[in-house]
N, C-alpha and C. Protein backbone atom coordinates (compact mmCIF):
# COMPACT_ATOMS: atom_id res chain seq x y z
N MET A 1 93.07 123.77 92.89
CA MET A 1 92.22 122.81 92.22
C MET A 1 92.65 122.69 90.76
N ARG A 2 92.81 121.48 90.29
CA ARG A 2 93.25 121.22 88.92
C ARG A 2 92.06 121.27 87.97
N CYS A 3 92.24 121.96 86.86
CA CYS A 3 91.19 122.06 85.85
C CYS A 3 91.14 120.77 85.04
N PRO A 4 89.96 120.20 84.82
CA PRO A 4 89.88 118.96 84.04
C PRO A 4 90.29 119.20 82.60
N GLY A 5 90.85 118.18 81.98
CA GLY A 5 91.30 118.28 80.60
C GLY A 5 90.15 118.23 79.62
N PRO A 6 90.46 118.41 78.32
CA PRO A 6 89.42 118.43 77.30
C PRO A 6 88.62 117.13 77.23
N GLY A 7 89.26 115.99 77.49
CA GLY A 7 88.54 114.72 77.46
C GLY A 7 87.43 114.68 78.49
N PHE A 8 87.72 115.20 79.68
CA PHE A 8 86.72 115.25 80.74
C PHE A 8 85.56 116.16 80.35
N LEU A 9 85.91 117.33 79.83
CA LEU A 9 84.87 118.28 79.43
C LEU A 9 84.01 117.72 78.30
N ALA A 10 84.64 117.00 77.37
CA ALA A 10 83.89 116.38 76.27
C ALA A 10 82.92 115.35 76.82
N GLN A 11 83.35 114.56 77.80
CA GLN A 11 82.46 113.56 78.39
C GLN A 11 81.29 114.23 79.10
N GLU A 12 81.57 115.32 79.79
CA GLU A 12 80.52 116.06 80.48
C GLU A 12 79.49 116.62 79.49
N LEU A 13 79.99 117.14 78.38
CA LEU A 13 79.10 117.66 77.34
C LEU A 13 78.25 116.54 76.74
N CYS A 14 78.84 115.40 76.51
CA CYS A 14 78.13 114.27 75.91
C CYS A 14 77.00 113.77 76.80
N ALA A 15 77.11 114.01 78.09
CA ALA A 15 76.07 113.56 79.01
C ALA A 15 74.74 114.25 78.76
N VAL A 16 74.76 115.42 78.13
CA VAL A 16 73.50 116.14 77.86
C VAL A 16 73.05 116.04 76.40
N LEU A 17 73.82 115.31 75.59
CA LEU A 17 73.45 115.12 74.19
C LEU A 17 72.60 113.87 74.03
N GLY A 18 71.86 113.81 72.93
CA GLY A 18 71.05 112.63 72.67
C GLY A 18 70.78 112.47 71.18
N PRO A 19 70.02 111.47 70.83
CA PRO A 19 69.69 111.24 69.42
C PRO A 19 69.07 112.49 68.79
N GLY A 20 69.48 112.78 67.56
CA GLY A 20 68.99 113.97 66.86
C GLY A 20 69.90 115.17 67.01
N ASP A 21 70.85 115.12 67.95
CA ASP A 21 71.81 116.22 68.13
C ASP A 21 73.03 115.97 67.23
N LEU A 22 73.63 117.06 66.75
CA LEU A 22 74.88 116.98 66.01
C LEU A 22 75.86 117.91 66.70
N LEU A 23 76.95 117.36 67.18
CA LEU A 23 77.98 118.13 67.87
C LEU A 23 79.11 118.41 66.91
N LEU A 24 79.45 119.69 66.71
CA LEU A 24 80.60 120.10 65.90
C LEU A 24 81.75 120.35 66.86
N ALA A 25 82.91 119.77 66.56
CA ALA A 25 84.00 119.86 67.53
C ALA A 25 85.35 119.94 66.85
N GLY A 26 86.35 120.27 67.65
CA GLY A 26 87.74 120.24 67.21
C GLY A 26 88.30 118.84 67.41
N ASP A 27 89.60 118.74 67.55
CA ASP A 27 90.22 117.42 67.61
C ASP A 27 90.16 116.75 68.99
N GLU A 28 89.40 117.31 69.94
CA GLU A 28 89.30 116.67 71.25
C GLU A 28 88.61 115.31 71.18
N PHE A 29 87.88 115.03 70.11
CA PHE A 29 87.22 113.74 69.99
C PHE A 29 88.10 112.69 69.32
N ASP A 30 89.36 113.02 69.06
CA ASP A 30 90.33 112.00 68.65
C ASP A 30 90.66 111.10 69.83
N ASP A 31 90.31 111.53 71.01
CA ASP A 31 90.51 110.75 72.22
C ASP A 31 89.46 109.64 72.26
N PRO A 32 89.87 108.36 72.29
CA PRO A 32 88.89 107.26 72.27
C PRO A 32 87.87 107.31 73.41
N VAL A 33 88.27 107.81 74.59
CA VAL A 33 87.34 107.89 75.72
C VAL A 33 86.25 108.92 75.44
N ALA A 34 86.63 110.09 74.91
CA ALA A 34 85.65 111.12 74.58
C ALA A 34 84.74 110.65 73.44
N LEU A 35 85.31 109.99 72.45
CA LEU A 35 84.51 109.49 71.33
C LEU A 35 83.54 108.42 71.80
N ALA A 36 83.97 107.56 72.70
CA ALA A 36 83.07 106.53 73.24
C ALA A 36 81.89 107.16 73.97
N ALA A 37 82.15 108.24 74.73
CA ALA A 37 81.07 108.94 75.44
C ALA A 37 80.10 109.56 74.45
N ALA A 38 80.62 110.13 73.37
CA ALA A 38 79.75 110.73 72.36
C ALA A 38 78.91 109.66 71.67
N CYS A 39 79.52 108.55 71.31
CA CYS A 39 78.78 107.46 70.65
C CYS A 39 77.70 106.90 71.57
N ALA A 40 78.02 106.77 72.85
CA ALA A 40 77.06 106.24 73.81
C ALA A 40 75.85 107.16 73.99
N SER A 41 76.03 108.46 73.73
CA SER A 41 74.93 109.41 73.92
C SER A 41 73.86 109.27 72.84
N GLY A 42 74.22 108.68 71.71
CA GLY A 42 73.28 108.57 70.60
C GLY A 42 73.32 109.77 69.67
N ALA A 43 74.06 110.81 70.06
CA ALA A 43 74.18 112.00 69.22
C ALA A 43 75.17 111.73 68.09
N ASP A 44 75.08 112.51 67.04
CA ASP A 44 76.06 112.43 65.97
C ASP A 44 77.13 113.47 66.20
N LEU A 45 78.28 113.22 65.62
CA LEU A 45 79.46 114.05 65.83
C LEU A 45 80.08 114.40 64.49
N LEU A 46 80.62 115.61 64.40
CA LEU A 46 81.44 116.02 63.26
C LEU A 46 82.62 116.76 63.86
N TRP A 47 83.82 116.22 63.68
CA TRP A 47 84.98 116.85 64.30
C TRP A 47 86.18 116.78 63.38
N GLN A 48 87.11 117.67 63.65
CA GLN A 48 88.35 117.71 62.90
C GLN A 48 89.36 116.79 63.56
N THR A 49 89.92 115.89 62.79
CA THR A 49 90.94 115.01 63.33
C THR A 49 92.29 115.70 63.17
N SER A 50 93.23 115.33 63.99
CA SER A 50 94.56 115.88 63.80
C SER A 50 95.28 115.05 62.74
N SER A 51 96.33 115.60 62.17
CA SER A 51 97.05 114.90 61.11
C SER A 51 97.76 113.65 61.64
N ARG A 52 97.91 113.56 62.94
CA ARG A 52 98.58 112.40 63.53
C ARG A 52 97.60 111.31 63.99
N THR A 53 96.31 111.52 63.76
CA THR A 53 95.30 110.55 64.18
C THR A 53 95.32 109.32 63.29
N PRO A 54 95.46 108.13 63.87
CA PRO A 54 95.46 106.91 63.05
C PRO A 54 94.04 106.53 62.62
N LEU A 55 93.74 106.76 61.36
CA LEU A 55 92.43 106.42 60.80
C LEU A 55 92.60 105.24 59.85
N HIS A 56 91.75 104.26 60.00
CA HIS A 56 91.80 103.08 59.14
C HIS A 56 90.50 103.03 58.35
N THR A 57 90.57 103.24 57.05
CA THR A 57 89.37 103.24 56.23
C THR A 57 89.33 102.00 55.35
N HIS A 58 88.10 101.57 55.01
CA HIS A 58 87.97 100.35 54.22
C HIS A 58 86.91 100.42 53.14
N ALA A 59 86.14 101.48 53.05
CA ALA A 59 85.13 101.58 51.99
C ALA A 59 85.03 103.03 51.53
N VAL A 60 85.02 103.23 50.22
CA VAL A 60 84.89 104.58 49.66
C VAL A 60 83.44 104.78 49.23
N LEU A 61 82.86 105.91 49.63
CA LEU A 61 81.48 106.25 49.28
C LEU A 61 81.45 107.12 48.02
N PRO A 62 80.28 107.24 47.36
CA PRO A 62 80.20 108.02 46.11
C PRO A 62 80.65 109.48 46.23
N ASP A 63 80.53 110.09 47.42
CA ASP A 63 80.93 111.50 47.56
C ASP A 63 82.43 111.64 47.88
N GLY A 64 83.17 110.52 47.87
CA GLY A 64 84.60 110.56 48.14
C GLY A 64 84.97 110.34 49.59
N SER A 65 83.99 110.38 50.49
CA SER A 65 84.29 110.09 51.89
C SER A 65 84.49 108.58 52.05
N ARG A 66 85.03 108.20 53.21
CA ARG A 66 85.35 106.80 53.42
C ARG A 66 84.82 106.34 54.78
N ILE A 67 84.42 105.09 54.85
CA ILE A 67 83.98 104.50 56.11
C ILE A 67 85.20 103.83 56.76
N GLY A 68 85.32 103.98 58.06
CA GLY A 68 86.46 103.37 58.73
C GLY A 68 86.37 103.49 60.24
N GLU A 69 87.50 103.38 60.86
CA GLU A 69 87.59 103.45 62.32
C GLU A 69 88.76 104.33 62.73
N LEU A 70 88.60 104.93 63.88
CA LEU A 70 89.68 105.65 64.55
C LEU A 70 90.34 104.61 65.47
N ALA A 71 91.63 104.49 65.43
CA ALA A 71 92.32 103.47 66.23
C ALA A 71 91.90 103.57 67.70
N GLY A 72 91.48 102.45 68.26
CA GLY A 72 91.08 102.39 69.66
C GLY A 72 89.67 102.86 69.93
N SER A 73 88.90 103.18 68.90
CA SER A 73 87.56 103.72 69.07
C SER A 73 86.50 102.63 68.91
N PRO A 74 85.41 102.73 69.66
CA PRO A 74 84.33 101.76 69.53
C PRO A 74 83.36 102.10 68.40
N CYS A 75 83.53 103.24 67.76
CA CYS A 75 82.56 103.72 66.77
C CYS A 75 83.07 103.57 65.34
N THR A 76 82.15 103.29 64.46
CA THR A 76 82.45 103.38 63.03
C THR A 76 82.29 104.85 62.64
N VAL A 77 83.22 105.36 61.85
CA VAL A 77 83.18 106.77 61.46
C VAL A 77 83.26 106.89 59.95
N ARG A 78 82.90 108.05 59.49
CA ARG A 78 83.05 108.41 58.08
C ARG A 78 84.10 109.50 58.03
N VAL A 79 85.09 109.33 57.18
CA VAL A 79 86.20 110.27 57.08
C VAL A 79 86.02 111.09 55.81
N ILE A 80 86.13 112.40 55.95
CA ILE A 80 85.96 113.34 54.84
C ILE A 80 87.27 114.07 54.64
N GLY A 81 87.78 114.03 53.43
CA GLY A 81 89.08 114.65 53.16
C GLY A 81 90.16 113.73 53.67
N ALA A 82 91.31 113.88 53.13
CA ALA A 82 92.39 113.00 53.56
C ALA A 82 93.71 113.64 53.23
N GLY A 83 94.70 113.12 53.80
CA GLY A 83 96.04 113.58 53.51
C GLY A 83 96.92 113.25 54.68
N THR A 84 98.17 113.08 54.41
CA THR A 84 99.08 112.76 55.50
C THR A 84 99.51 114.02 56.23
N SER A 85 99.47 115.16 55.56
CA SER A 85 99.94 116.38 56.22
C SER A 85 98.80 117.30 56.65
N ILE A 86 97.57 116.98 56.25
CA ILE A 86 96.45 117.83 56.65
C ILE A 86 95.47 117.03 57.47
N ALA A 87 94.70 117.73 58.26
CA ALA A 87 93.69 117.06 59.07
C ALA A 87 92.48 116.73 58.20
N SER A 88 91.75 115.75 58.63
CA SER A 88 90.51 115.35 57.98
C SER A 88 89.36 115.69 58.90
N LEU A 89 88.16 115.56 58.39
CA LEU A 89 86.97 115.61 59.23
C LEU A 89 86.51 114.18 59.42
N ALA A 90 85.97 113.90 60.57
CA ALA A 90 85.37 112.59 60.83
C ALA A 90 83.98 112.83 61.37
N THR A 91 83.08 111.92 61.08
CA THR A 91 81.71 112.04 61.55
C THR A 91 81.13 110.67 61.83
N THR A 92 80.16 110.66 62.72
CA THR A 92 79.41 109.43 62.96
C THR A 92 78.19 109.36 62.06
N VAL A 93 77.96 110.39 61.24
CA VAL A 93 76.88 110.38 60.24
C VAL A 93 77.41 109.57 59.06
N LEU A 94 76.95 108.35 58.92
CA LEU A 94 77.51 107.44 57.93
C LEU A 94 76.80 107.51 56.58
N ASP A 95 75.61 108.08 56.52
CA ASP A 95 74.82 108.14 55.29
C ASP A 95 75.26 109.32 54.42
N ALA A 96 75.97 109.03 53.34
CA ALA A 96 76.50 110.09 52.46
C ALA A 96 75.39 110.76 51.65
N GLN A 97 74.25 110.11 51.48
CA GLN A 97 73.15 110.75 50.75
C GLN A 97 72.41 111.74 51.65
N ALA A 98 72.21 111.37 52.90
CA ALA A 98 71.52 112.26 53.84
C ALA A 98 72.39 113.46 54.22
N ALA A 99 73.69 113.26 54.26
CA ALA A 99 74.62 114.33 54.65
C ALA A 99 75.85 114.25 53.75
N PRO A 100 75.76 114.85 52.55
CA PRO A 100 76.92 114.82 51.65
C PRO A 100 78.15 115.47 52.27
N ALA A 101 79.31 114.98 51.87
CA ALA A 101 80.57 115.49 52.41
C ALA A 101 80.67 117.01 52.26
N SER A 102 80.26 117.54 51.11
CA SER A 102 80.37 118.99 50.89
C SER A 102 79.55 119.78 51.91
N GLU A 103 78.39 119.28 52.29
CA GLU A 103 77.56 119.97 53.29
C GLU A 103 78.21 119.92 54.67
N LEU A 104 78.79 118.79 55.01
CA LEU A 104 79.45 118.67 56.31
C LEU A 104 80.69 119.55 56.39
N VAL A 105 81.43 119.64 55.30
CA VAL A 105 82.61 120.52 55.26
C VAL A 105 82.16 121.98 55.44
N ALA A 106 81.10 122.38 54.75
CA ALA A 106 80.59 123.75 54.87
C ALA A 106 80.11 124.03 56.30
N LEU A 107 79.46 123.06 56.91
CA LEU A 107 78.99 123.22 58.28
C LEU A 107 80.16 123.39 59.25
N HIS A 108 81.21 122.61 59.04
CA HIS A 108 82.37 122.72 59.92
C HIS A 108 83.11 124.05 59.70
N ARG A 109 83.15 124.53 58.47
CA ARG A 109 83.75 125.85 58.21
C ARG A 109 82.98 126.94 58.94
N HIS A 110 81.66 126.79 58.98
CA HIS A 110 80.83 127.76 59.69
C HIS A 110 81.21 127.77 61.18
N ARG A 111 81.49 126.62 61.75
CA ARG A 111 81.94 126.53 63.14
C ARG A 111 83.21 127.35 63.34
N TRP A 112 84.17 127.23 62.38
CA TRP A 112 85.42 127.97 62.51
C TRP A 112 85.20 129.47 62.40
N ARG A 113 84.28 129.90 61.55
CA ARG A 113 83.99 131.34 61.45
C ARG A 113 83.40 131.85 62.76
N LEU A 114 82.53 131.06 63.37
CA LEU A 114 81.95 131.45 64.66
C LEU A 114 83.04 131.53 65.73
N LEU A 115 83.93 130.54 65.77
CA LEU A 115 85.02 130.58 66.73
C LEU A 115 85.93 131.78 66.52
N ALA A 116 86.20 132.10 65.26
CA ALA A 116 87.04 133.27 64.96
C ALA A 116 86.37 134.55 65.44
N SER A 117 85.06 134.66 65.26
CA SER A 117 84.33 135.84 65.74
C SER A 117 84.38 135.94 67.25
N LEU A 118 84.16 134.80 67.92
CA LEU A 118 84.22 134.82 69.39
C LEU A 118 85.62 135.17 69.88
N ALA A 119 86.64 134.62 69.23
CA ALA A 119 88.01 134.91 69.64
C ALA A 119 88.35 136.38 69.43
N SER A 120 87.94 136.95 68.30
CA SER A 120 88.27 138.35 68.04
C SER A 120 87.49 139.31 68.94
N SER A 121 86.36 138.86 69.47
CA SER A 121 85.61 139.72 70.39
C SER A 121 86.11 139.58 71.82
N GLY A 122 87.07 138.66 72.05
CA GLY A 122 87.61 138.48 73.39
C GLY A 122 86.86 137.46 74.22
N THR A 123 85.81 136.86 73.69
CA THR A 123 85.01 135.92 74.45
C THR A 123 85.76 134.63 74.73
N LEU A 124 86.66 134.22 73.82
CA LEU A 124 87.38 132.96 74.00
C LEU A 124 88.87 133.15 74.17
N SER A 125 89.29 134.27 74.69
CA SER A 125 90.73 134.52 74.83
C SER A 125 91.32 133.69 75.95
N PRO A 126 92.41 132.94 75.65
CA PRO A 126 93.05 132.13 76.68
C PRO A 126 93.65 133.00 77.78
N GLY A 127 93.58 132.53 79.00
CA GLY A 127 94.17 133.24 80.12
C GLY A 127 93.34 134.39 80.64
N ARG A 128 92.19 134.62 80.06
CA ARG A 128 91.32 135.69 80.53
C ARG A 128 90.16 135.08 81.30
N PRO A 129 89.57 135.83 82.21
CA PRO A 129 88.42 135.29 82.94
C PRO A 129 87.25 135.03 81.98
N GLN A 130 86.41 134.10 82.37
CA GLN A 130 85.26 133.77 81.53
C GLN A 130 84.36 134.98 81.42
N VAL A 131 83.97 135.30 80.18
CA VAL A 131 83.19 136.49 79.93
C VAL A 131 81.71 136.26 80.20
N LEU A 132 81.20 135.09 79.85
CA LEU A 132 79.78 134.82 80.01
C LEU A 132 79.49 134.48 81.47
N ARG A 133 78.58 135.23 82.08
CA ARG A 133 78.33 135.07 83.50
C ARG A 133 77.01 134.37 83.81
N SER A 134 76.11 134.31 82.87
CA SER A 134 74.79 133.76 83.14
C SER A 134 74.86 132.27 83.43
N ARG A 135 73.95 131.80 84.25
CA ARG A 135 73.89 130.38 84.58
C ARG A 135 72.71 129.68 83.92
N TRP A 136 71.95 130.40 83.14
CA TRP A 136 70.78 129.83 82.48
C TRP A 136 70.89 130.01 80.98
N PRO A 137 70.38 129.06 80.20
CA PRO A 137 70.52 129.13 78.74
C PRO A 137 70.01 130.43 78.13
N ASP A 138 68.87 130.93 78.59
CA ASP A 138 68.35 132.18 78.02
C ASP A 138 69.30 133.35 78.28
N GLY A 139 69.88 133.39 79.46
CA GLY A 139 70.83 134.45 79.79
C GLY A 139 72.11 134.35 78.98
N VAL A 140 72.60 133.11 78.77
CA VAL A 140 73.80 132.91 77.96
C VAL A 140 73.52 133.36 76.53
N GLU A 141 72.36 132.99 76.00
CA GLU A 141 72.01 133.41 74.65
C GLU A 141 71.95 134.94 74.55
N GLN A 142 71.36 135.58 75.53
CA GLN A 142 71.29 137.04 75.53
C GLN A 142 72.67 137.67 75.58
N GLU A 143 73.56 137.12 76.42
CA GLU A 143 74.92 137.65 76.50
C GLU A 143 75.67 137.46 75.19
N LEU A 144 75.52 136.29 74.56
CA LEU A 144 76.19 136.04 73.28
C LEU A 144 75.71 137.02 72.22
N TRP A 145 74.40 137.25 72.14
CA TRP A 145 73.89 138.22 71.17
C TRP A 145 74.46 139.61 71.44
N GLY A 146 74.60 139.96 72.71
CA GLY A 146 75.21 141.24 73.05
C GLY A 146 76.65 141.33 72.59
N HIS A 147 77.42 140.26 72.80
CA HIS A 147 78.82 140.23 72.33
C HIS A 147 78.88 140.33 70.81
N PHE A 148 78.01 139.56 70.13
CA PHE A 148 78.01 139.60 68.67
C PHE A 148 77.65 140.99 68.15
N LEU A 149 76.68 141.63 68.79
CA LEU A 149 76.27 142.97 68.37
C LEU A 149 77.42 143.97 68.52
N ILE A 150 78.05 143.97 69.66
CA ILE A 150 79.18 144.88 69.90
C ILE A 150 80.32 144.57 68.92
N HIS A 151 80.61 143.29 68.72
CA HIS A 151 81.67 142.90 67.79
C HIS A 151 81.34 143.38 66.37
N HIS A 152 80.11 143.20 65.95
CA HIS A 152 79.69 143.63 64.60
C HIS A 152 79.83 145.15 64.45
N ILE A 153 79.43 145.88 65.47
CA ILE A 153 79.53 147.35 65.43
C ILE A 153 81.00 147.77 65.35
N LEU A 154 81.85 147.16 66.18
CA LEU A 154 83.27 147.53 66.17
C LEU A 154 83.94 147.19 64.84
N CYS A 155 83.59 146.03 64.27
CA CYS A 155 84.14 145.67 62.96
C CYS A 155 83.69 146.65 61.89
N GLY A 156 82.43 147.05 61.96
CA GLY A 156 81.93 148.03 61.00
C GLY A 156 82.63 149.37 61.13
N LEU A 157 82.85 149.81 62.36
CA LEU A 157 83.57 151.07 62.59
C LEU A 157 85.01 150.98 62.12
N ARG A 158 85.66 149.84 62.36
CA ARG A 158 87.02 149.64 61.89
C ARG A 158 87.09 149.71 60.37
N HIS A 159 86.10 149.12 59.72
CA HIS A 159 86.05 149.13 58.25
C HIS A 159 85.87 150.56 57.74
N LEU A 160 85.01 151.33 58.40
CA LEU A 160 84.75 152.71 57.96
C LEU A 160 85.97 153.60 58.15
N THR A 161 86.72 153.37 59.23
CA THR A 161 87.87 154.23 59.50
C THR A 161 89.14 153.71 58.84
N GLY A 162 89.08 152.49 58.27
CA GLY A 162 90.24 151.93 57.58
C GLY A 162 91.32 151.41 58.51
N SER A 163 90.98 151.18 59.77
CA SER A 163 92.00 150.66 60.70
C SER A 163 91.81 149.20 60.96
């Protein structure tokens, strides 16, 4: 059986999102099909674009972010940060006063810290079996807290022993 690609998984995730939700993501939403599914859900998105993503901007906001479009996308986006060699953040949250660029950047950094913690605890290691076994949200939350607790203890012990 072939495993579905990230675009498929993004569409599946978007099916359970709705207005008032904010999805933090990596560059899988550079795919116009995944972005269309997210926009159709009514949820807002904040994701990292790849440096090769064609972004067309046309208005600069007071916080330095820009309004524009992702090539082939049905959604208007706000682009935060720019550069030809670095990735930017893009969001469907267009109001720079309600969500300043600096707050969105900090929120996305928090996502990366969480991913780094999960990766270092072995929860997101590629090629390994899925660690979380629960099929219900409460059970998944309990398992995650258990992983975080063990990870925190091991990091503390490593710090104490200097290894």
